[in-house]
PDB file of N, CA and C in Angstrom:
ATOM      1  N   UNK A   1      17.758  14.937 -24.428  1.00  0.00           N
ATOM      2  CA  UNK A   1      17.110  13.631 -25.418  1.00  0.00           C
ATOM      3  C   UNK A   1      16.039  13.028 -24.170  1.00  0.00           C
ATOM      4  N   UNK A   2      14.863  13.123 -23.901  1.00  0.00           N
ATOM      5  CA  UNK A   2      14.228  12.514 -23.357  1.00  0.00           C
ATOM      6  C   UNK A   2      13.872  11.018 -23.551  1.00  0.00           C
ATOM      7  N   UNK A   3      14.079   9.193 -22.600  1.00  0.00           N
ATOM      8  CA  UNK A   3      14.252   8.875 -22.706  1.00  0.00           C
ATOM      9  C   UNK A   3      12.797   8.312 -22.624  1.00  0.00           C
ATOM     10  N   UNK A   4      12.246   7.448 -23.191  1.00  0.00           N
ATOM     11  CA  UNK A   4      11.142   7.148 -23.431  1.00  0.00           C
ATOM     12  C   UNK A   4      11.158   6.320 -22.106  1.00  0.00           C
ATOM     13  N   UNK A   5       9.691   5.953 -21.031  1.00  0.00           N
ATOM     14  CA  UNK A   5       9.471   5.431 -20.294  1.00  0.00           C
ATOM     15  C   UNK A   5       9.198   3.756 -21.293  1.00  0.00           C
ATOM     16  N   UNK A   6       9.952   2.655 -20.156  1.00  0.00           N
ATOM     17  CA  UNK A   6       9.526   1.309 -20.671  1.00  0.00           C
ATOM     18  C   UNK A   6       7.741   0.950 -20.491  1.00  0.00           C
ATOM     19  N   UNK A   7       7.372  -0.062 -20.610  1.00  0.00           N
ATOM     20  CA  UNK A   7       6.196  -0.063 -20.951  1.00  0.00           C
ATOM     21  C   UNK A   7       5.710  -0.701 -19.896  1.00  0.00           C
ATOM     22  N   UNK A   8       5.086  -0.186 -18.736  1.00  0.00           N
ATOM     23  CA  UNK A   8       4.140  -0.669 -17.705  1.00  0.00           C
ATOM     24  C   UNK A   8       5.015   0.261 -16.852  1.00  0.00           C
ATOM     25  N   UNK A   9       4.896   1.177 -16.781  1.00  0.00           N
ATOM     26  CA  UNK A   9       6.171   2.050 -15.992  1.00  0.00           C
ATOM     27  C   UNK A   9       5.975   2.619 -14.980  1.00  0.00           C
ATOM     28  N   UNK A  10       4.549   3.408 -15.407  1.00  0.00           N
ATOM     29  CA  UNK A  10       4.364   4.230 -14.200  1.00  0.00           C
ATOM     30  C   UNK A  10       2.393   3.326 -13.607  1.00  0.00           C
ATOM     31  N   UNK A  11       2.050   1.933 -14.086  1.00  0.00           N
ATOM     32  CA  UNK A  11       1.368   1.291 -13.220  1.00  0.00           C
ATOM     33  C   UNK A  11       2.441   0.626 -12.362  1.00  0.00           C
ATOM     34  N   UNK A  12       3.300   0.263 -12.224  1.00  0.00           N
ATOM     35  CA  UNK A  12       4.642   0.260 -11.433  1.00  0.00           C
ATOM     36  C   UNK A  12       4.625   0.813 -10.236  1.00  0.00           C
ATOM     37  N   UNK A  13       4.444   2.007 -10.906  1.00  0.00           N
ATOM     38  CA  UNK A  13       4.880   3.438  -9.814  1.00  0.00           C
ATOM     39  C   UNK A  13       3.767   3.566  -8.850  1.00  0.00           C
ATOM     40  N   UNK A  14       2.249   3.192  -9.473  1.00  0.00           N
ATOM     41  CA  UNK A  14       1.288   3.394  -9.180  1.00  0.00           C
ATOM     42  C   UNK A  14       1.204   2.084  -7.769  1.00  0.00           C
ATOM     43  N   UNK A  15       1.220   1.236  -8.473  1.00  0.00           N
ATOM     44  CA  UNK A  15       1.782  -0.219  -7.392  1.00  0.00           C
ATOM     45  C   UNK A  15       2.252   0.121  -6.033  1.00  0.00           C
ATOM     46  N   UNK A  16       4.065   0.472  -6.100  1.00  0.00           N
ATOM     47  CA  UNK A  16       4.074   0.690  -5.563  1.00  0.00           C
ATOM     48  C   UNK A  16       3.865   2.203  -4.325  1.00  0.00           C
ATOM     49  N   UNK A  17       2.898   3.107  -4.965  1.00  0.00           N
ATOM     50  CA  UNK A  17       2.456   3.965  -4.468  1.00  0.00           C
ATOM     51  C   UNK A  17       1.681   3.686  -3.016  1.00  0.00           C
ATOM     52  N   UNK A  18       0.694   2.647  -3.350  1.00  0.00           N
ATOM     53  CA  UNK A  18       0.529   1.737  -2.482  1.00  0.00           C
ATOM     54  C   UNK A  18       0.392   0.932  -1.384  1.00  0.00           C
ATOM     55  N   UNK A  19       1.884   1.227  -1.282  1.00  0.00           N
ATOM     56  CA  UNK A  19       2.501   0.779  -0.084  1.00  0.00           C
ATOM     57  C   UNK A  19       2.243   1.974   1.305  1.00  0.00           C
ATOM     58  N   UNK A  20       2.750   2.195   1.358  1.00  0.00           N
ATOM     59  CA  UNK A  20       2.009   3.207   2.638  1.00  0.00           C
ATOM     60  C   UNK A  20       0.953   3.125   3.235  1.00  0.00           C
ATOM     61  N   UNK A  21      -0.234   2.826   2.069  1.00  0.00           N
ATOM     62  CA  UNK A  21      -1.891   3.148   2.487  1.00  0.00           C
ATOM     63  C   UNK A  21      -2.087   1.806   3.500  1.00  0.00           C
ATOM     64  N   UNK A  22      -1.015   0.897   2.282  1.00  0.00           N
ATOM     65  CA  UNK A  22      -1.243  -0.410   2.621  1.00  0.00           C
ATOM     66  C   UNK A  22      -1.015  -1.008   3.825  1.00  0.00           C
ATOM     67  N   UNK A  23       0.107  -0.595   4.534  1.00  0.00           N
ATOM     68  CA  UNK A  23       0.926  -0.737   5.401  1.00  0.00           C
ATOM     69  C   UNK A  23       0.014  -0.149   7.044  1.00  0.00           C
ATOM     70  N   UNK A  24      -0.230   0.491   6.640  1.00  0.00           N
ATOM     71  CA  UNK A  24      -0.763   1.787   7.550  1.00  0.00           C
ATOM     72  C   UNK A  24      -2.239   1.188   7.914  1.00  0.00           C
ATOM     73  N   UNK A  25      -3.103   0.965   6.900  1.00  0.00           N
ATOM     74  CA  UNK A  25      -4.264   0.493   7.184  1.00  0.00           C
ATOM     75  C   UNK A  25      -4.204  -0.810   7.676  1.00  0.00           C
ATOM     76  N   UNK A  26      -3.641  -1.922   7.163  1.00  0.00           N
ATOM     77  CA  UNK A  26      -3.218  -3.312   7.923  1.00  0.00           C
ATOM     78  C   UNK A  26      -3.143  -3.088   9.243  1.00  0.00           C
ATOM     79  N   UNK A  27      -2.161  -2.412   9.988  1.00  0.00           N
ATOM     80  CA  UNK A  27      -1.310  -1.930  11.082  1.00  0.00           C
ATOM     81  C   UNK A  27      -3.435  -1.497  11.890  1.00  0.00           C
ATOM     82  N   UNK A  28      -3.686  -0.066  11.528  1.00  0.00           N
ATOM     83  CA  UNK A  28      -4.554   0.842  12.471  1.00  0.00           C
ATOM     84  C   UNK A  28      -5.913  -0.324  11.659  1.00  0.00           C
ATOM     85  N   UNK A  29      -6.420  -1.302  11.123  1.00  0.00           N
ATOM     86  CA  UNK A  29      -7.347  -2.547  11.405  1.00  0.00           C
ATOM     87  C   UNK A  29      -6.914  -3.751  12.251  1.00  0.00           C
ATOM     88  N   UNK A  30      -6.066  -4.030  12.444  1.00  0.00           N
ATOM     89  CA  UNK A  30      -5.935  -5.081  13.437  1.00  0.00           C
ATOM     90  C   UNK A  30      -5.684  -4.349  15.047  1.00  0.00           C
ATOM     91  N   UNK A  31      -4.818  -3.789  15.040  1.00  0.00           N
ATOM     92  CA  UNK A  31      -5.099  -2.281  16.189  1.00  0.00           C
ATOM     93  C   UNK A  31      -6.495  -2.458  17.079  1.00  0.00           C
ATOM     94  N   UNK A  32      -7.462  -1.777  16.034  1.00  0.00           N
ATOM     95  CA  UNK A  32      -9.062  -1.553  16.186  1.00  0.00           C
ATOM     96  C   UNK A  32      -9.983  -2.672  16.671  1.00  0.00           C
ATOM     97  N   UNK A  33      -9.459  -4.045  15.726  1.00  0.00           N
ATOM     98  CA  UNK A  33     -10.266  -5.583  16.041  1.00  0.00           C
ATOM     99  C   UNK A  33      -9.293  -5.939  17.587  1.00  0.00           C
ATOM    100  N   UNK A  34      -8.555  -5.455  17.470  1.00  0.00           N
ATOM    101  CA  UNK A  34      -7.912  -5.868  18.812  1.00  0.00           C
ATOM    102  C   UNK A  34      -8.603  -5.105  20.287  1.00  0.00           C
ATOM    103  N   UNK A  35      -8.426  -3.908  19.951  1.00  0.00           N
ATOM    104  CA  UNK A  35      -9.363  -3.215  20.811  1.00  0.00           C
ATOM    105  C   UNK A  35     -10.498  -3.713  20.997  1.00  0.00           C
ATOM    106  N   UNK A  36     -11.218  -3.458  20.532  1.00  0.00           N
ATOM    107  CA  UNK A  36     -12.756  -4.106  20.353  1.00  0.00           C
ATOM    108  C   UNK A  36     -12.801  -5.666  20.707  1.00  0.00           C
ATOM    109  N   UNK A  37     -11.698  -6.652  20.872  1.00  0.00           N
ATOM    110  CA  UNK A  37     -11.986  -7.140  21.388  1.00  0.00           C
ATOM    111  C   UNK A  37     -11.154  -7.048  23.017  1.00  0.00           C
ATOM    112  N   UNK A  38     -10.660  -6.467  23.099  1.00  0.00           N
ATOM    113  CA  UNK A  38     -10.134  -5.890  25.084  1.00  0.00           C
ATOM    114  C   UNK A  38     -12.012  -5.596  25.321  1.00  0.00           C
ATOM    115  N   UNK A  39     -12.309  -4.145  24.826  1.00  0.00           N
ATOM    116  CA  UNK A  39     -13.563  -3.816  25.539  1.00  0.00           C
ATOM    117  C   UNK A  39     -15.005  -4.919  25.510  1.00  0.00           C
ATOM    118  N   UNK A  40     -15.007  -5.638  24.496  1.00  0.00           N
ATOM    119  CA  UNK A  40     -16.392  -6.812  24.299  1.00  0.00           C
ATOM    120  C   UNK A  40     -15.580  -7.640  25.639  1.00  0.00           C
ATOM    121  N   UNK A  41     -14.345  -8.307  25.395  1.00  0.00           N
ATOM    122  CA  UNK A  41     -14.198  -9.822  26.548  1.00  0.00           C
ATOM    123  C   UNK A  41     -13.196  -9.263  27.959  1.00  0.00           C
ATOM    124  N   UNK A  42     -12.618  -8.069  28.220  1.00  0.00           N
ATOM    125  CA  UNK A  42     -12.700  -7.270  28.854  1.00  0.00           C
ATOM    126  C   UNK A  42     -10.533  -8.045  29.032  1.00  0.00           C
ATOM    127  N   UNK A  43     -10.312  -8.400  28.115  1.00  0.00           N
ATOM    128  CA  UNK A  43      -8.818  -8.942  28.375  1.00  0.00           C
ATOM    129  C   UNK A  43      -7.508  -8.045  27.709  1.00  0.00           C
ATOM    130  N   UNK A  44      -8.080  -6.847  28.338  1.00  0.00           N
ATOM    131  CA  UNK A  44      -7.073  -5.496  28.629  1.00  0.00           C
ATOM    132  C   UNK A  44      -5.389  -6.138  28.686  1.00  0.00           C
ATOM    133  N   UNK A  45      -4.338  -6.011  28.188  1.00  0.00           N
ATOM    134  CA  UNK A  45      -3.810  -6.042  26.543  1.00  0.00           C
ATOM    135  C   UNK A  45      -3.438  -6.336  25.731  1.00  0.00           C
ATOM    136  N   UNK A  46      -3.718  -7.497  25.802  1.00  0.00           N
ATOM    137  CA  UNK A  46      -3.750  -8.949  25.148  1.00  0.00           C
ATOM    138  C   UNK A  46      -4.512  -8.540  23.667  1.00  0.00           C
ATOM    139  N   UNK A  47      -5.654  -8.337  24.140  1.00  0.00           N
ATOM    140  CA  UNK A  47      -6.625  -8.374  22.726  1.00  0.00           C
ATOM    141  C   UNK A  47      -5.952  -7.035  21.510  1.00  0.00           C
ATOM    142  N   UNK A  48      -4.897  -6.199  22.197  1.00  0.00           N
ATOM    143  CA  UNK A  48      -4.651  -5.129  21.225  1.00  0.00           C
ATOM    144  C   UNK A  48      -3.357  -5.192  20.663  1.00  0.00           C
ATOM    145  N   UNK A  49      -2.880  -6.176  21.614  1.00  0.00           N
ATOM    146  CA  UNK A  49      -1.030  -6.686  21.291  1.00  0.00           C
ATOM    147  C   UNK A  49      -1.212  -7.542  20.025  1.00  0.00           C
ATOM    148  N   UNK A  50      -2.799  -8.654  20.554  1.00  0.00           N
ATOM    149  CA  UNK A  50      -2.221  -9.960  19.186  1.00  0.00           C
ATOM    150  C   UNK A  50      -2.625  -9.124  18.008  1.00  0.00           C
ATOM    151  N   UNK A  51      -3.689  -8.134  18.206  1.00  0.00           N
ATOM    152  CA  UNK A  51      -4.445  -7.440  16.565  1.00  0.00           C
ATOM    153  C   UNK A  51      -3.447  -6.750  16.335  1.00  0.00           C
ATOM    154  N   UNK A  52      -2.420  -6.062  17.051  1.00  0.00           N
ATOM    155  CA  UNK A  52      -1.477  -5.154  16.369  1.00  0.00           C
ATOM    156  C   UNK A  52      -0.757  -6.049  15.837  1.00  0.00           C
ATOM    157  N   UNK A  53      -0.183  -7.079  16.566  1.00  0.00           N
ATOM    158  CA  UNK A  53       1.283  -8.197  15.679  1.00  0.00           C
ATOM    159  C   UNK A  53      -0.026  -8.619  14.578  1.00  0.00           C
ATOM    160  N   UNK A  54      -1.097  -9.230  14.462  1.00  0.00           N
ATOM    161  CA  UNK A  54      -1.927  -9.650  13.055  1.00  0.00           C
ATOM    162  C   UNK A  54      -1.331  -8.990  12.512  1.00  0.00           C
ATOM    163  N   UNK A  55      -1.976  -7.398  12.748  1.00  0.00           N
ATOM    164  CA  UNK A  55      -2.088  -6.399  11.516  1.00  0.00           C
ATOM    165  C   UNK A  55      -0.415  -6.288  11.231  1.00  0.00           C
ATOM    166  N   UNK A  56       0.605  -6.063  11.719  1.00  0.00           N
ATOM    167  CA  UNK A  56       1.515  -6.386  11.404  1.00  0.00           C
ATOM    168  C   UNK A  56       2.383  -7.158  10.204  1.00  0.00           C
ATOM    169  N   UNK A  57       1.749  -8.627  11.011  1.00  0.00           N
ATOM    170  CA  UNK A  57       2.128  -9.605  10.011  1.00  0.00           C
ATOM    171  C   UNK A  57       1.419  -9.103   8.726  1.00  0.00           C
ATOM    172  N   UNK A  58       0.094  -8.573   9.287  1.00  0.00           N
ATOM    173  CA  UNK A  58      -0.639  -8.788   7.029  1.00  0.00           C
ATOM    174  C   UNK A  58       0.375  -7.449   6.499  1.00  0.00           C
ATOM    175  N   UNK A  59       0.520  -6.461   6.852  1.00  0.00           N
ATOM    176  CA  UNK A  59       1.586  -5.400   6.399  1.00  0.00           C
ATOM    177  C   UNK A  59       2.436  -5.618   5.746  1.00  0.00           C
ATOM    178  N   UNK A  60       3.595  -6.603   6.427  1.00  0.00           N
ATOM    179  CA  UNK A  60       4.931  -7.534   5.725  1.00  0.00           C
ATOM    180  C   UNK A  60       4.343  -8.311   4.603  1.00  0.00           C
ATOM    181  N   UNK A  61       3.164  -8.761   4.695  1.00  0.00           N
ATOM    182  CA  UNK A  61       2.323  -9.832   3.282  1.00  0.00           C
ATOM    183  C   UNK A  61       2.405  -8.706   2.443  1.00  0.00           C
ATOM    184  N   UNK A  62       1.413  -7.845   2.735  1.00  0.00           N
ATOM    185  CA  UNK A  62       0.887  -7.072   1.723  1.00  0.00           C
ATOM    186  C   UNK A  62       2.107  -6.156   0.929  1.00  0.00           C
ATOM    187  N   UNK A  63       3.344  -5.874   1.627  1.00  0.00           N
ATOM    188  CA  UNK A  63       4.286  -5.424   1.244  1.00  0.00           C
ATOM    189  C   UNK A  63       5.131  -5.952   0.150  1.00  0.00           C
ATOM    190  N   UNK A  64       5.053  -7.577   0.820  1.00  0.00           N
ATOM    191  CA  UNK A  64       5.897  -8.810  -0.436  1.00  0.00           C
ATOM    192  C   UNK A  64       5.173  -8.849  -1.998  1.00  0.00           C
ATOM    193  N   UNK A  65       3.633  -9.153  -1.564  1.00  0.00           N
ATOM    194  CA  UNK A  65       3.126  -9.182  -2.214  1.00  0.00           C
ATOM    195  C   UNK A  65       2.860  -8.415  -3.536  1.00  0.00           C
ATOM    196  N   UNK A  66       3.261  -6.567  -3.244  1.00  0.00           N
ATOM    197  CA  UNK A  66       2.656  -5.619  -4.190  1.00  0.00           C
ATOM    198  C   UNK A  66       4.075  -5.304  -4.739  1.00  0.00           C
ATOM    199  N   UNK A  67       5.180  -5.551  -3.398  1.00  0.00           N
ATOM    200  CA  UNK A  67       5.995  -5.554  -3.987  1.00  0.00           C
ATOM    201  C   UNK A  67       6.819  -6.098  -5.433  1.00  0.00           C
ATOM    202  N   UNK A  68       6.477  -7.702  -5.287  1.00  0.00           N
ATOM    203  CA  UNK A  68       6.822  -8.892  -5.597  1.00  0.00           C
ATOM    204  C   UNK A  68       6.176  -8.846  -7.408  1.00  0.00           C
ATOM    205  N   UNK A  69       4.278  -8.526  -7.194  1.00  0.00           N
ATOM    206  CA  UNK A  69       3.968  -7.580  -8.466  1.00  0.00           C
ATOM    207  C   UNK A  69       4.542  -6.692  -9.230  1.00  0.00           C
ATOM    208  N   UNK A  70       4.984  -5.582  -8.382  1.00  0.00           N
ATOM    209  CA  UNK A  70       5.720  -4.983  -8.900  1.00  0.00           C
ATOM    210  C   UNK A  70       6.872  -4.871 -10.045  1.00  0.00           C
ATOM    211  N   UNK A  71       7.909  -5.854  -9.259  1.00  0.00           N
ATOM    212  CA  UNK A  71       8.773  -6.243 -10.374  1.00  0.00           C
ATOM    213  C   UNK A  71       9.019  -6.820 -11.242  1.00  0.00           C
ATOM    214  N   UNK A  72       7.732  -8.290 -11.177  1.00  0.00           N
ATOM    215  CA  UNK A  72       7.933  -9.198 -12.129  1.00  0.00           C
ATOM    216  C   UNK A  72       6.686  -8.199 -13.002  1.00  0.00           C
ATOM    217  N   UNK A  73       6.157  -7.092 -13.019  1.00  0.00           N
ATOM    218  CA  UNK A  73       5.590  -6.495 -14.056  1.00  0.00           C
ATOM    219  C   UNK A  73       6.196  -5.984 -14.955  1.00  0.00           C
ATOM    220  N   UNK A  74       7.822  -5.135 -14.284  1.00  0.00           N
ATOM    221  CA  UNK A  74       8.972  -4.681 -14.762  1.00  0.00           C
ATOM    222  C   UNK A  74       9.834  -5.270 -15.726  1.00  0.00           C
ATOM    223  N   UNK A  75       9.798  -6.540 -15.287  1.00  0.00           N
ATOM    224  CA  UNK A  75      10.924  -7.379 -15.886  1.00  0.00           C
ATOM    225  C   UNK A  75      10.613  -8.200 -17.190  1.00  0.00           C
ATOM    226  N   UNK A  76       8.698  -7.809 -17.256  1.00  0.00           N
ATOM    227  CA  UNK A  76       7.631  -8.679 -19.028  1.00  0.00           C
ATOM    228  C   UNK A  76       9.006  -8.280 -20.293  1.00  0.00           C
TER     229      UNK A  76
END
């Protein structure tokens, strides 16, 4: 016998499915911005390093926000 899915199940699956893309995109954008700063202002390698760290922080923040929203919608 198949148990029916709880309300909002597929929405939660969709939200959690965006985690990987969101994480990678934040890292790539941060690193690319840092490389642009390095090329524009000649600050090798500091621009890329700062961009990577900021991108990583944004990626972690995205993961926290998405998981909180996803699990809050399942507890309703």
